[in-house]
Protein backbone atom coordinates (compact mmCIF):
# COMPACT_ATOMS: atom_id res chain seq x y z
CA MET A 1 -29.54 -23.29 -6.29
CA ASN A 2 -26.94 -21.40 -3.78
CA GLN A 3 -27.70 -17.63 -4.76
CA PHE A 4 -24.70 -15.31 -4.06
CA PRO A 5 -25.92 -11.84 -3.20
CA SER A 6 -25.55 -8.91 -5.53
CA THR A 7 -25.49 -5.40 -5.34
CA GLN A 8 -27.74 -3.37 -7.75
CA CYS A 9 -27.08 0.44 -7.56
CA ARG A 10 -30.06 2.83 -7.34
CA ASP A 11 -30.60 5.35 -10.17
CA THR A 12 -30.17 8.37 -8.22
CA ARG A 13 -31.22 10.22 -11.33
CA THR A 14 -35.00 9.01 -11.19
CA LYS A 15 -34.88 9.10 -7.28
CA ALA A 16 -34.10 12.76 -6.69
CA HIS A 17 -37.12 14.03 -8.80
CA ARG A 18 -39.73 12.36 -6.34
CA ASP A 19 -38.25 11.64 -2.63
CA THR A 20 -35.99 15.20 -3.11
CA ALA A 21 -37.85 18.44 -1.23
CA ALA A 22 -37.71 21.84 -2.42
CA ILE A 23 -35.73 24.06 0.09
CA VAL A 24 -36.25 28.11 -0.33
CA VAL A 25 -33.87 30.24 0.90
CA PRO A 26 -34.11 33.91 1.06
CA HIS A 27 -32.14 36.07 -1.10
CA GLY A 28 -30.06 38.31 1.64
CA LEU A 29 -29.44 34.75 3.30
CA ALA A 30 -28.06 33.43 0.32
CA ALA A 31 -25.82 36.11 -0.13
CA ALA A 32 -24.83 36.65 3.53
CA MET A 33 -23.94 32.30 3.09
CA VAL A 34 -21.89 32.73 -0.11
CA TRP A 35 -19.68 35.20 1.76
CA LEU A 36 -19.12 33.57 5.11
CA MET A 37 -18.06 30.63 2.83
CA SER A 38 -15.71 33.02 0.56
CA THR A 39 -14.10 34.08 3.61
CA LEU A 40 -14.17 31.19 6.09
CA TRP A 41 -12.83 28.43 3.35
CA PRO A 42 -9.01 29.68 2.55
CA ASN A 43 -8.44 29.77 6.31
CA LEU A 44 -9.73 26.86 7.15
CA ASP A 45 -7.92 24.99 4.52
CA ALA A 46 -4.89 27.18 5.02
CA ALA A 47 -4.78 25.61 8.71
CA GLN A 48 -4.39 22.24 7.68
CA PRO A 49 -1.45 20.65 8.62
CA PRO A 50 0.57 19.23 5.43
CA PRO A 51 0.73 15.26 5.28
CA TYR A 52 3.48 13.77 7.41
CA MET A 53 4.69 11.95 4.26
CA ARG A 54 3.42 11.38 0.67
CA LEU A 55 5.07 8.42 -0.06
CA ARG A 56 4.43 8.48 -3.74
CA ASP A 57 6.89 11.75 -3.51
CA SER A 58 9.58 9.87 -1.23
CA THR A 59 11.92 8.11 -2.61
CA LEU A 60 12.16 4.54 0.03
CA GLU A 61 16.29 3.52 0.85
CA TYR A 62 18.24 0.76 2.08
CA PRO A 63 20.32 2.04 4.63
CA GLY A 64 21.71 -1.49 5.81
CA PRO A 65 24.73 -3.51 5.08
CA SER A 66 25.33 -4.85 1.22
CA ALA A 67 27.55 -7.93 0.99
CA ASN A 68 28.25 -9.93 -1.83
CA ILE A 69 27.46 -13.51 -2.96
CA THR A 70 30.99 -15.32 -3.14
CA ASN A 71 31.88 -18.05 -5.05
CA SER A 72 29.26 -17.53 -8.00
CA THR A 73 29.29 -19.79 -10.86
CA GLU A 74 25.65 -17.78 -12.12
CA TYR A 75 23.71 -15.38 -11.21
CA LYS A 76 20.33 -17.18 -9.75
CA ILE A 77 17.19 -15.21 -10.33
CA GLY A 78 14.20 -16.66 -8.40
CA TRP A 79 10.56 -17.06 -10.27
CA PHE A 80 7.69 -17.31 -8.46
CA GLY A 81 5.03 -18.91 -11.08
CA PRO A 82 4.04 -21.51 -12.89
CA THR A 83 6.02 -23.22 -15.28
CA ASN A 84 3.99 -25.31 -17.41
CA LEU A 85 4.56 -23.66 -20.86
CA ASP A 86 0.93 -25.53 -21.87
CA ASP A 87 -1.00 -23.05 -19.59
CA PRO A 88 -2.82 -21.10 -21.75
CA LEU A 89 -2.58 -18.17 -19.05
CA THR A 90 1.03 -17.99 -17.59
CA GLY A 91 2.81 -20.33 -20.22
CA ASP A 92 3.51 -17.12 -22.16
CA LEU A 93 4.72 -15.25 -19.28
CA TRP A 94 7.61 -17.83 -18.81
CA TRP A 95 8.56 -18.05 -22.00
CA ALA A 96 8.71 -14.34 -22.04
CA ALA A 97 11.32 -14.54 -19.25
CA ARG A 98 12.76 -18.20 -20.12
CA PHE A 99 13.64 -16.32 -23.76
CA ALA A 100 14.90 -13.02 -22.17
CA ILE A 101 17.52 -15.47 -20.19
CA ASP A 102 18.33 -17.13 -23.10
CA LYS A 103 19.09 -14.25 -24.94
CA ALA A 104 21.37 -12.77 -22.42
CA ASN A 105 23.53 -15.75 -22.12
CA SER A 106 23.93 -16.26 -25.90
CA GLU A 107 25.12 -12.36 -25.43
CA ILE A 108 27.34 -13.75 -22.18
CA SER A 109 28.91 -16.35 -24.20
CA LYS A 110 30.54 -14.11 -26.82
CA PRO A 111 34.00 -12.69 -26.06
CA VAL A 112 34.13 -10.04 -23.32
CA PRO A 113 35.93 -6.87 -24.34
CA GLN A 114 38.92 -5.89 -22.38
CA GLY A 115 38.23 -3.80 -19.30
CA ASN A 116 35.11 -5.18 -18.75
CA ALA A 117 34.63 -6.85 -15.20
CA GLU A 118 34.46 -10.54 -14.78
CA SER A 119 31.21 -11.01 -13.07
CA SER A 120 29.77 -9.63 -15.75
CA SER A 121 30.47 -12.63 -17.41
CA LEU A 122 28.27 -14.67 -15.48
CA PRO A 123 25.50 -16.77 -16.71
CA PHE A 124 21.66 -16.53 -15.85
CA ARG A 125 19.67 -19.03 -14.74
CA LEU A 126 16.18 -18.85 -13.52
CA VAL A 127 15.17 -20.59 -10.27
CA PRO A 128 11.57 -21.51 -10.08
CA ARG A 129 8.97 -21.98 -6.98
CA TRP A 130 5.36 -22.43 -7.05
CA ALA A 131 2.46 -24.56 -6.09
CA THR A 132 -1.44 -24.52 -6.96
CA ASN A 133 -2.07 -23.04 -3.22
CA PRO A 134 0.51 -19.83 -3.49
CA TRP A 135 -0.66 -18.60 -0.16
CA GLY A 136 0.13 -22.31 1.49
CA THR A 137 2.64 -24.35 -0.04
CA GLY A 138 3.86 -21.96 -2.54
CA VAL A 139 5.34 -19.44 -0.62
CA SER A 140 6.62 -21.58 1.82
CA LEU A 141 8.46 -22.99 -0.93
CA LEU A 142 9.63 -19.47 -2.09
CA ALA A 143 11.00 -18.55 1.26
CA ARG A 144 13.07 -21.92 1.66
CA MET A 145 14.35 -21.34 -2.15
CA VAL A 146 15.43 -17.76 -1.50
CA TYR A 147 17.70 -19.06 1.79
CA GLU A 148 18.97 -22.33 0.11
CA GLU A 149 19.69 -21.47 -3.34
CA HIS A 150 20.76 -17.34 -2.59
CA PRO A 151 19.28 -15.90 -5.51
CA ILE A 152 20.34 -12.65 -6.39
CA ALA A 153 16.55 -11.64 -7.22
CA LEU A 154 13.05 -12.49 -7.96
CA LEU A 155 10.68 -12.31 -10.55
CA GLY A 156 6.83 -12.27 -9.92
CA SER A 157 4.30 -13.20 -9.69
CA VAL A 158 1.86 -13.79 -12.56
CA ASP A 159 -0.66 -11.63 -10.62
CA SER A 160 -0.98 -9.13 -7.89
CA ALA A 161 -2.03 -10.91 -5.03
CA SER A 162 0.30 -13.60 -5.01
CA THR A 163 3.53 -10.65 -5.73
CA HIS A 164 2.10 -9.60 -2.34
CA LEU A 165 3.21 -12.95 -0.90
CA ALA A 166 6.79 -12.46 -2.63
CA GLU A 167 6.84 -8.96 -1.48
CA GLN A 168 6.82 -10.29 2.32
CA VAL A 169 9.40 -12.72 1.69
CA VAL A 170 11.99 -10.14 0.19
CA ALA A 171 11.44 -7.80 3.00
CA LYS A 172 12.66 -10.15 5.28
CA ALA A 173 15.44 -11.39 3.25
CA GLN A 174 16.58 -8.14 1.55
CA LEU A 175 17.06 -8.72 -2.27
CA PRO A 176 14.98 -7.18 -5.44
CA LEU A 177 11.64 -8.28 -6.15
CA VAL A 178 10.74 -7.20 -9.63
CA SER A 179 6.64 -7.75 -10.32
CA PRO A 180 6.18 -7.92 -14.02
CA ILE A 181 2.33 -7.22 -14.44
CA ALA A 182 1.11 -6.50 -11.42
CA THR A 183 -1.18 -3.44 -11.79
CA ASP A 184 -2.26 -3.34 -7.67
CA LYS A 185 -0.42 -0.50 -6.79
CA SER A 186 -0.81 -0.97 -3.03
CA VAL A 187 2.03 -3.56 -4.14
CA THR A 188 4.61 -0.93 -3.98
CA LEU A 189 2.88 1.39 -0.76
CA ALA A 190 4.11 -1.10 1.87
CA GLY A 191 6.94 0.68 2.29
CA VAL A 192 9.08 -2.16 1.17
CA SER A 193 12.31 -0.47 -0.83
CA TRP A 194 13.31 -3.91 -2.53
CA THR A 195 10.06 -4.32 -4.91
CA PHE A 196 9.61 -2.96 -8.13
CA ALA A 197 6.35 -2.89 -10.48
CA CYS A 198 6.84 -2.67 -14.37
CA ALA A 199 3.36 -2.62 -15.21
CA PRO A 200 1.17 0.98 -14.87
CA SER A 201 -0.90 0.97 -12.31
CA ASP A 202 -4.85 0.52 -11.67
CA ASP A 203 -5.55 4.05 -10.75
CA ALA A 204 -3.74 4.66 -14.42
CA ILE A 205 -5.82 2.33 -16.32
CA ALA A 206 -9.07 2.83 -14.75
CA ARG A 207 -8.34 7.03 -15.54
CA VAL A 208 -8.61 6.26 -19.32
CA LEU A 209 -11.12 3.57 -19.77
CA VAL A 210 -13.56 5.78 -17.59
CA ASP A 211 -12.82 8.65 -19.41
CA HIS A 212 -13.21 6.75 -22.40
CA VAL A 213 -16.71 5.45 -21.10
CA PHE A 214 -17.74 8.80 -20.26
CA ARG A 215 -17.07 10.26 -24.03
CA ALA A 216 -19.32 6.82 -25.43
CA LEU A 217 -21.82 8.18 -23.25
CA GLN A 218 -21.97 11.66 -23.97
CA SER A 219 -21.45 10.92 -27.85
CA SER A 220 -24.79 8.05 -27.84
CA THR A 221 -26.61 10.20 -25.63
CA SER A 222 -26.42 13.43 -28.52
CA ASN A 223 -27.01 11.15 -31.45
CA ARG A 224 -29.96 9.53 -29.84
CA THR A 225 -33.75 10.72 -31.08
CA GLU A 226 -35.84 12.32 -28.47
CA HIS A 227 -37.99 8.86 -27.86
CA LYS A 228 -35.12 6.83 -26.87
CA THR A 229 -33.86 6.95 -22.83
CA ALA A 230 -30.58 7.60 -22.30
CA ARG A 231 -28.19 4.66 -21.82
CA SER A 232 -28.01 2.83 -18.44
CA ILE A 233 -24.00 2.37 -16.72
CA VAL A 234 -24.15 -1.57 -16.03
CA MET A 235 -21.25 -2.83 -14.25
CA LEU A 236 -19.99 -6.73 -13.78
CA SER A 237 -17.37 -7.63 -11.87
CA CYS A 238 -15.85 -10.55 -9.59
CA THR A 239 -14.28 -10.94 -6.78
CA ASP A 240 -11.11 -11.74 -6.59
CA HIS A 241 -7.97 -9.66 -5.52
CA GLU A 242 -6.85 -8.60 -8.91
CA SER A 243 -10.69 -7.92 -10.17
CA ARG A 244 -11.57 -5.94 -6.50
CA MET A 245 -8.63 -3.57 -6.96
CA THR A 246 -9.20 -2.77 -10.55
CA ALA A 247 -12.79 -2.17 -9.92
CA ARG A 248 -12.23 -0.18 -6.68
CA GLU A 249 -9.89 2.15 -8.91
CA VAL A 250 -12.93 2.33 -11.67
CA MET A 251 -15.37 3.12 -9.21
CA LYS A 252 -13.16 6.16 -7.63
CA GLN A 253 -12.92 7.32 -11.52
CA PHE A 254 -16.56 7.43 -11.72
CA SER A 255 -17.36 9.23 -8.69
CA LEU A 256 -15.05 11.85 -9.25
CA ARG A 257 -16.63 12.58 -12.70
CA GLY A 258 -20.15 12.62 -10.56
CA ARG A 259 -21.85 9.36 -11.77
CA LEU A 260 -22.00 5.97 -10.73
CA PRO A 261 -22.68 2.86 -12.38
CA ASP A 262 -27.01 2.47 -12.24
CA TYR A 263 -26.34 -1.50 -11.56
CA ARG A 264 -23.37 -3.06 -10.50
CA LEU A 265 -23.50 -6.85 -9.84
CA GLU A 266 -20.35 -8.73 -8.30
CA LEU A 267 -20.05 -12.14 -8.70
CA PRO A 268 -17.71 -14.93 -7.74
CA PRO A 269 -14.62 -16.22 -10.06
CA GLY A 270 -14.25 -19.38 -11.57
CA MET A 271 -17.74 -20.06 -12.66
CA GLU A 272 -18.62 -22.08 -15.34
CA SER A 273 -21.42 -19.89 -16.39
CA TYR A 274 -22.47 -16.56 -15.42
CA LEU A 275 -26.26 -16.83 -17.40
CA GLU A 276 -28.23 -17.32 -14.22
CA ARG A 277 -26.80 -14.76 -12.05
CA ILE A 278 -27.35 -12.25 -14.24
CA ALA A 279 -30.34 -13.14 -15.43
CA PRO A 280 -32.45 -10.63 -13.19
CA LEU A 281 -30.62 -7.90 -14.15
CA GLU A 282 -32.62 -8.51 -17.64
CA GLN A 283 -35.94 -7.64 -16.30
CA SER A 284 -34.58 -4.52 -14.34
CA LEU A 285 -33.11 -3.24 -17.85
CA GLY A 286 -36.22 -3.87 -19.30
CA GLN A 287 -37.09 -0.08 -19.50
CA SER A 288 -33.60 1.16 -19.50
CA GLY A 289 -32.94 0.33 -23.44
CA HIS A 290 -29.46 0.70 -24.60
CA ILE A 291 -26.64 0.61 -22.30
CA ILE A 292 -23.20 0.88 -21.48
CA LEU A 293 -21.97 -2.42 -20.19
CA LEU A 294 -18.04 -2.52 -18.68
CA ILE A 295 -16.51 -6.13 -17.34
CA VAL A 296 -13.89 -5.92 -14.49
CA ALA A 297 -12.83 -9.67 -13.43
CA ALA A 298 -9.68 -11.81 -14.76
CA PRO A 299 -9.61 -13.06 -18.44
CA GLU A 300 -11.12 -16.29 -18.62
CA ASP A 301 -14.11 -14.63 -16.00
CA SER A 302 -14.44 -11.89 -18.43
CA ALA A 303 -14.91 -14.36 -21.36
CA ARG A 304 -17.93 -15.62 -19.86
CA LEU A 305 -19.58 -12.69 -18.28
CA LEU A 306 -19.12 -11.79 -21.69
CA GLN A 307 -21.15 -14.36 -23.61
CA ALA A 308 -23.60 -14.41 -20.69
CA ALA A 309 -24.21 -10.65 -21.15
CA ARG A 310 -24.53 -10.81 -25.04
CA GLU A 311 -27.48 -13.41 -24.52
CA CYS A 312 -29.01 -11.70 -21.62
CA LEU A 313 -28.47 -8.08 -21.81
CA CYS A 314 -27.68 -7.45 -25.13
CA HIS A 315 -30.01 -9.79 -26.68
CA ASP A 316 -27.49 -11.03 -29.12
CA THR A 317 -28.39 -14.41 -30.04
CA SER A 318 -26.74 -14.26 -33.67
CA ALA A 319 -25.28 -18.14 -34.47
CA LEU A 320 -22.12 -16.31 -35.45
CA ARG A 321 -21.21 -15.76 -31.85
CA ARG A 322 -19.00 -18.76 -30.80
CA ALA A 323 -20.04 -20.22 -27.29
CA ILE A 324 -17.53 -20.74 -24.63
CA PRO A 325 -17.47 -24.42 -23.69
CA ASN A 326 -19.68 -25.24 -20.57
CA PRO A 327 -22.60 -22.80 -21.13
CA LYS A 328 -26.30 -23.79 -19.56
CA LYS A 329 -28.60 -22.34 -20.98
CA SER A 330 -29.78 -18.73 -22.41
CA CYS A 331 -31.62 -16.16 -21.72
CA SER A 332 -34.40 -14.42 -23.90
CA GLU A 333 -33.91 -15.22 -27.41
CA THR A 334 -37.15 -13.31 -28.41
CA ALA A 335 -36.09 -9.68 -27.77
CA GLU A 336 -35.39 -8.20 -31.58
CA ASP A 337 -32.72 -5.62 -32.74
CA ASP A 338 -33.88 -1.88 -33.19
CA GLY A 339 -31.08 -1.55 -35.49
CA GLU A 340 -28.83 0.30 -32.83
CA LEU A 341 -26.51 -1.78 -30.83
CA ARG A 342 -27.99 -2.03 -27.45
CA CYS A 343 -24.89 -2.87 -25.89
CA LEU A 344 -21.76 -0.88 -25.85
CA ILE A 345 -19.16 -2.90 -24.25
CA PHE A 346 -16.17 -2.00 -22.28
CA GLY A 347 -13.54 -4.14 -20.50
CA THR A 348 -10.63 -3.67 -18.55
CA HIS A 349 -6.85 -4.69 -19.24
CA ALA A 350 -7.70 -8.25 -18.55
CA MET A 351 -9.75 -8.80 -21.81
CA ALA A 352 -6.60 -7.26 -23.48
CA ARG A 353 -4.62 -11.12 -22.80
CA ALA A 354 -4.74 -13.50 -25.45
CA ARG A 355 -6.58 -15.74 -23.37
CA PHE A 356 -9.64 -14.04 -23.55
CA LEU A 357 -9.55 -13.37 -27.25
CA ALA A 358 -9.21 -17.06 -27.65
CA LEU A 359 -11.84 -17.80 -25.02
CA ALA A 360 -14.21 -15.12 -25.94
CA GLY A 361 -14.21 -15.72 -30.12
CA THR A 362 -16.66 -13.66 -32.04
CA HIS A 363 -18.36 -12.82 -29.14
CA ALA A 364 -14.93 -9.78 -28.06
CA GLU A 365 -15.80 -8.07 -31.76
CA GLY A 366 -16.56 -4.49 -30.69
CA VAL A 367 -15.09 -4.71 -27.14
CA HIS A 368 -13.16 -1.68 -25.91
CA VAL A 369 -10.25 -2.14 -23.80
CA PRO A 370 -7.28 -0.30 -22.53
CA ILE A 371 -4.18 -1.50 -24.37
CA LEU A 372 -0.62 -1.74 -22.05
CA PHE A 373 1.39 -3.08 -25.22
CA VAL A 374 1.55 -1.13 -28.38
CA PRO A 375 4.20 -2.76 -30.70
CA ASP A 376 6.46 -0.29 -32.48
CA PRO A 377 7.08 -1.94 -36.11
CA GLU A 378 10.24 -0.27 -36.63
CA ASN A 379 12.40 -1.06 -33.56
CA PRO A 380 14.53 -3.69 -34.04
CA ALA A 381 14.11 -5.40 -30.34
CA THR A 382 10.57 -5.28 -30.49
CA ALA A 383 9.55 -6.51 -33.93
CA GLY A 384 12.39 -9.43 -32.87
CA PHE A 385 10.69 -10.12 -30.00
CA ILE A 386 7.26 -10.74 -31.81
CA ARG A 387 8.73 -12.52 -34.45
CA GLU A 388 10.15 -15.33 -32.04
CA PHE A 389 7.37 -15.18 -29.93
CA THR A 390 4.76 -15.58 -32.27
CA MET A 391 6.81 -18.43 -33.87
CA ALA A 392 7.09 -20.03 -30.75
CA ARG A 393 3.81 -19.66 -29.12
CA GLY A 394 1.54 -19.96 -32.22
CA HIS A 395 0.09 -16.54 -31.58
CA ALA A 396 1.48 -12.59 -31.23
CA PRO A 397 2.42 -11.64 -27.57
CA ASP A 398 -0.05 -9.41 -25.19
CA HIS A 399 0.97 -6.84 -22.51
CA ALA A 400 1.22 -9.69 -19.76
CA ALA A 401 3.88 -11.61 -21.76
CA ALA A 402 6.11 -8.29 -23.19
CA LEU A 403 5.63 -6.60 -19.78
CA THR A 404 7.50 -9.80 -18.64
CA TYR A 405 10.20 -10.01 -20.66
CA ASP A 406 10.78 -6.40 -20.25
CA ALA A 407 11.02 -7.24 -16.35
CA THR A 408 13.96 -10.11 -16.99
CA ARG A 409 15.86 -7.57 -19.16
CA LEU A 410 15.52 -4.92 -17.02
CA LEU A 411 16.58 -7.45 -13.69
CA ILE A 412 19.38 -8.58 -15.94
CA ALA A 413 20.63 -4.88 -16.75
CA ALA A 414 20.66 -3.95 -13.13
CA ILE A 415 21.86 -7.26 -12.56
CA GLN A 416 24.96 -6.58 -14.77
CA SER A 417 25.07 -2.83 -13.71
CA GLY A 418 25.48 -3.94 -9.94
CA GLY A 419 26.94 -7.34 -9.35
CA PRO A 420 26.83 -10.08 -6.98
CA ASN A 421 25.61 -7.92 -4.35
CA ARG A 422 21.50 -7.95 -3.33
CA ALA A 423 21.62 -4.34 -2.35
CA ARG A 424 23.65 -2.94 -5.76
CA VAL A 425 21.31 -4.32 -7.97
CA ARG A 426 18.65 -2.40 -6.15
CA GLU A 427 20.43 0.51 -6.57
CA ALA A 428 20.87 -0.27 -10.22
CA LEU A 429 16.89 -0.80 -10.58
CA ALA A 430 16.02 2.64 -9.32
CA LYS A 431 18.99 4.25 -11.36
CA LEU A 432 18.27 2.45 -14.71
CA SER A 433 14.71 4.00 -14.41
CA PRO A 434 13.63 5.36 -16.80
CA TRP A 435 14.11 2.48 -18.88
CA GLN A 436 12.76 1.91 -22.76
CA GLY A 437 11.55 -1.47 -23.59
CA VAL A 438 9.33 -3.11 -25.88
CA ALA A 439 6.08 -3.11 -24.17
CA GLY A 440 6.90 1.04 -23.41
CA THR A 441 9.12 3.12 -20.82
CA ILE A 442 9.44 1.99 -17.34
CA GLN A 443 10.12 4.67 -14.91
CA PHE A 444 9.89 4.23 -10.95
CA ASP A 445 8.75 6.42 -8.50
CA GLY A 446 9.95 6.66 -4.90
CA THR A 447 8.36 3.78 -3.87
CA GLY A 448 9.30 1.51 -7.21
CA GLN A 449 6.05 1.82 -8.99
CA ASN A 450 6.16 2.42 -12.41
CA THR A 451 4.48 6.03 -13.17
CA ARG A 452 3.58 5.13 -17.06
CA THR A 453 -0.04 6.94 -17.49
CA ASN A 454 0.01 6.40 -21.36
CA VAL A 455 -2.30 3.63 -21.76
CA ALA A 456 -3.84 3.60 -24.98
CA MET A 457 -7.70 2.67 -25.89
CA GLY A 458 -8.27 -0.44 -28.33
CA ILE A 459 -11.20 -2.34 -29.92
CA VAL A 460 -11.57 -5.73 -30.90
CA ARG A 461 -11.65 -6.20 -34.43
CA ASN A 462 -11.75 -9.59 -36.51
CA GLY A 463 -10.14 -11.47 -32.97
CA ALA A 464 -7.10 -8.81 -32.91
CA ILE A 465 -7.06 -5.52 -31.06
CA VAL A 466 -6.62 -2.26 -33.25
CA ARG A 467 -5.97 1.26 -31.45
CA LEU A 468 -8.05 3.28 -30.97
CA THR A 469 -7.06 7.46 -32.27
CA PRO A 470 -6.67 9.14 -29.02
CA PRO A 471 -9.28 12.06 -28.51
CA ASP A 472 -8.06 15.80 -29.66
CA PRO A 473 -6.89 17.35 -26.07
CA LYS A 474 -8.46 20.19 -27.31
């Protein structure tokens, strides 16, 4: 069997007692060192020159020409993503974008009040381009479409990696790109003034997630009896672009709090089963007792990682658990539960997707996840979207569908404001911020990144995500 390398973080809390030598410093010398540092450090800090530029604090602009698209009978909006409504992961996004377009066109068909610009009555149409290999054929089709169809702007893509491809096209072709769900903050750090990201960034999500992990860690430690060991932190992550970018921000947040995961395992994406890959961790954790498990992977990979972890690491072999298709074999089935949950399980926003919940089934029960979409039932626009989506798709919308709907509506509003001019549409996108969508407020910084930080935490109960009560800031 082809073995992929894995990484295990040492338990530095234990090693320090055995390997660290004690150093005795005389009191006089210690006092002199403290005085010297207190005297010199402020001067050293003041001598550091300020950064040449903080990109997030600056405002990217487009100072070039701004010509109108002439002889237009409609506004074409490019869509860089799949168009298969039956796709369990991306079909919801395509439906949400089309629904926003259809709703805008139905409003346009109504009589136009006097005084409105004639261009505002033009209908909208999505022009899709995609391929199963976006890095090869897909981006080539997108570039050809931009120069042949002359869209006023682009929507896309369905992940951060593909959004980077679209960004390269718009940087050359000079038209706005609105990304609905990309959370990789580097999407807007390339200095391309045409790019706007509507989703919260990975660092905002990771901050809330790791805060919740540490609150759970402190709570479980304080409630444990003396004969039980403290929980170990185990992090399972995949190596696809999306997961790597999120894992990087998660690790930064752990580092800022002075504790890294005790065990970290990186795995290839797209495997049918992860049971054999994570089985060696079972022996390593044999003496660790209870653990905190954090999964950083795409929705489908997260579901299979969760199933494997339930069986291998959490010793959860209950018959009530519904297996995900294509399991190979289970790990230890002889461990006994001591009456307390062996695993507290956390996931990223990918585990708040409808696809994850459908695949994971009862395995998802009790999992803690950050949620980017907290519906306001009293908001007519939100209630209407949820109702129409649920009737058409057979399940409630997740944050990806809601953000795609918001991104499309925001772009439509910018086009109606800027008219058939790409540069003016870009300016309108910046000026419309802050803009209230069904998934939350979209407020861009100078690079086009949504600065929203009010990410909530939720827990899976009976197949649905229930928002947890925010902690008392005091």
